[in-house]
Amino acid sequence: MNVKMVYEIPAAMKFLSQCPDLRCVMMTGNGKHFSSGIDLQDPVFALKIDQDEVSRRSIIIYKFIKEL
């Protein structure tokens, strides 16, 4: 799951919940696996974090992943 998907799913569900004739939503994916977790190759994780110490950078990334 990339960051874009994590933020778009709630918006899509909110939109779909306002459709009175909708009774079912089916999410599908392409490829071998639909989801195996967060995509750490997502460009958002390549952003420069203003911390030289590895442990402090890791804490920032951990908090961001937890938010997702």
C-alpha atoms as a PDB file:
ATOM      1  CA  MET A   1       0.000   0.000   0.000  1.00  0.00           C
ATOM      2  CA  ASN A   2       1.477   3.303  -0.952  1.00  0.00           C
ATOM      3  CA  VAL A   3       0.786   6.602   0.787  1.00  0.00           C
ATOM      4  CA  LYS A   4      -1.539   7.825  -1.969  1.00  0.00           C
ATOM      5  CA  MET A   5      -3.718   4.724  -1.565  1.00  0.00           C
ATOM      6  CA  VAL A   6      -3.868   5.074   2.220  1.00  0.00           C
ATOM      7  CA  TYR A   7      -5.239   8.593   1.917  1.00  0.00           C
ATOM      8  CA  GLU A   8      -7.569   7.889  -1.021  1.00  0.00           C
ATOM      9  CA  ILE A   9      -9.404   4.889   0.450  1.00  0.00           C
ATOM     10  CA  PRO A  10     -11.173   6.843   3.245  1.00  0.00           C
ATOM     11  CA  ALA A  11     -12.192   9.563   0.764  1.00  0.00           C
ATOM     12  CA  ALA A  12     -13.569   6.932  -1.613  1.00  0.00           C
ATOM     13  CA  MET A  13     -15.466   5.183   1.184  1.00  0.00           C
ATOM     14  CA  LYS A  14     -16.945   8.492   2.345  1.00  0.00           C
ATOM     15  CA  PHE A  15     -18.107   9.225  -1.210  1.00  0.00           C
ATOM     16  CA  LEU A  16     -19.510   5.719  -1.676  1.00  0.00           C
ATOM     17  CA  SER A  17     -21.343   5.829   1.656  1.00  0.00           C
ATOM     18  CA  GLN A  18     -23.425   8.689   0.289  1.00  0.00           C
ATOM     19  CA  CYS A  19     -24.715   6.594  -2.637  1.00  0.00           C
ATOM     20  CA  PRO A  20     -28.156   5.371  -1.478  1.00  0.00           C
ATOM     21  CA  ASP A  21     -28.423   2.587  -4.075  1.00  0.00           C
ATOM     22  CA  LEU A  22     -24.989   1.118  -3.316  1.00  0.00           C
ATOM     23  CA  ARG A  23     -25.098  -2.121  -1.345  1.00  0.00           C
ATOM     24  CA  CYS A  24     -21.634  -3.575  -1.835  1.00  0.00           C
ATOM     25  CA  VAL A  25     -18.081  -2.421  -2.522  1.00  0.00           C
ATOM     26  CA  MET A  26     -15.437  -4.810  -3.797  1.00  0.00           C
ATOM     27  CA  MET A  27     -11.797  -3.822  -3.750  1.00  0.00           C
ATOM     28  CA  THR A  28      -9.519  -5.645  -6.122  1.00  0.00           C
ATOM     29  CA  GLY A  29      -5.898  -5.332  -7.060  1.00  0.00           C
ATOM     30  CA  ASN A  30      -3.581  -6.211  -9.911  1.00  0.00           C
ATOM     31  CA  GLY A  31      -0.594  -8.482  -9.801  1.00  0.00           C
ATOM     32  CA  LYS A  32       0.423 -11.416  -7.672  1.00  0.00           C
ATOM     33  CA  HIS A  33      -0.477  -9.808  -4.323  1.00  0.00           C
ATOM     34  CA  PHE A  34      -3.037  -7.133  -3.549  1.00  0.00           C
ATOM     35  CA  SER A  35      -1.261  -5.954  -0.410  1.00  0.00           C
ATOM     36  CA  SER A  36       1.697  -7.140   1.549  1.00  0.00           C
ATOM     37  CA  GLY A  37       2.031  -3.994   3.649  1.00  0.00           C
ATOM     38  CA  ILE A  38       3.308  -0.475   3.200  1.00  0.00           C
ATOM     39  CA  ASP A  39       5.347   0.224   0.068  1.00  0.00           C
ATOM     40  CA  LEU A  40       8.633   1.471   1.493  1.00  0.00           C
ATOM     41  CA  GLN A  41       9.741   2.270  -2.078  1.00  0.00           C
ATOM     42  CA  ASP A  42       7.079   5.000  -2.203  1.00  0.00           C
ATOM     43  CA  PRO A  43       8.771   8.332  -3.007  1.00  0.00           C
ATOM     44  CA  VAL A  44       7.462   9.863   0.234  1.00  0.00           C
ATOM     45  CA  PHE A  45       9.974   7.742   2.168  1.00  0.00           C
ATOM     46  CA  ALA A  46      12.850   9.137   0.075  1.00  0.00           C
ATOM     47  CA  LEU A  47      12.242  12.682   1.341  1.00  0.00           C
ATOM     48  CA  LYS A  48      15.102  14.293   3.209  1.00  0.00           C
ATOM     49  CA  ILE A  49      14.606  14.130   6.953  1.00  0.00           C
ATOM     50  CA  ASP A  50      16.605  16.751   8.814  1.00  0.00           C
ATOM     51  CA  GLN A  51      18.179  14.309  11.224  1.00  0.00           C
ATOM     52  CA  ASP A  52      21.705  12.987  10.808  1.00  0.00           C
ATOM     53  CA  GLU A  53      21.340  10.289  13.433  1.00  0.00           C
ATOM     54  CA  VAL A  54      19.872   7.061  12.059  1.00  0.00           C
ATOM     55  CA  SER A  55      17.821   6.345  15.182  1.00  0.00           C
ATOM     56  CA  ARG A  56      16.134   9.778  15.098  1.00  0.00           C
ATOM     57  CA  ARG A  57      15.304   9.395  11.374  1.00  0.00           C
ATOM     58  CA  SER A  58      13.899   5.958  12.110  1.00  0.00           C
ATOM     59  CA  ILE A  59      11.635   7.330  14.844  1.00  0.00           C
ATOM     60  CA  ILE A  60      10.252   9.962  12.448  1.00  0.00           C
ATOM     61  CA  ILE A  61       9.571   7.324   9.777  1.00  0.00           C
ATOM     62  CA  TYR A  62       8.057   4.973  12.390  1.00  0.00           C
ATOM     63  CA  LYS A  63       5.630   7.671  13.564  1.00  0.00           C
ATOM     64  CA  PHE A  64       4.639   8.403   9.964  1.00  0.00           C
ATOM     65  CA  ILE A  65       4.037   4.700   9.216  1.00  0.00           C
ATOM     66  CA  LYS A  66       1.990   4.374  12.411  1.00  0.00           C
ATOM     67  CA  GLU A  67      -0.168   7.306  11.285  1.00  0.00           C
ATOM     68  CA  LEU A  68      -0.790   5.553   7.972  1.00  0.00           C
END
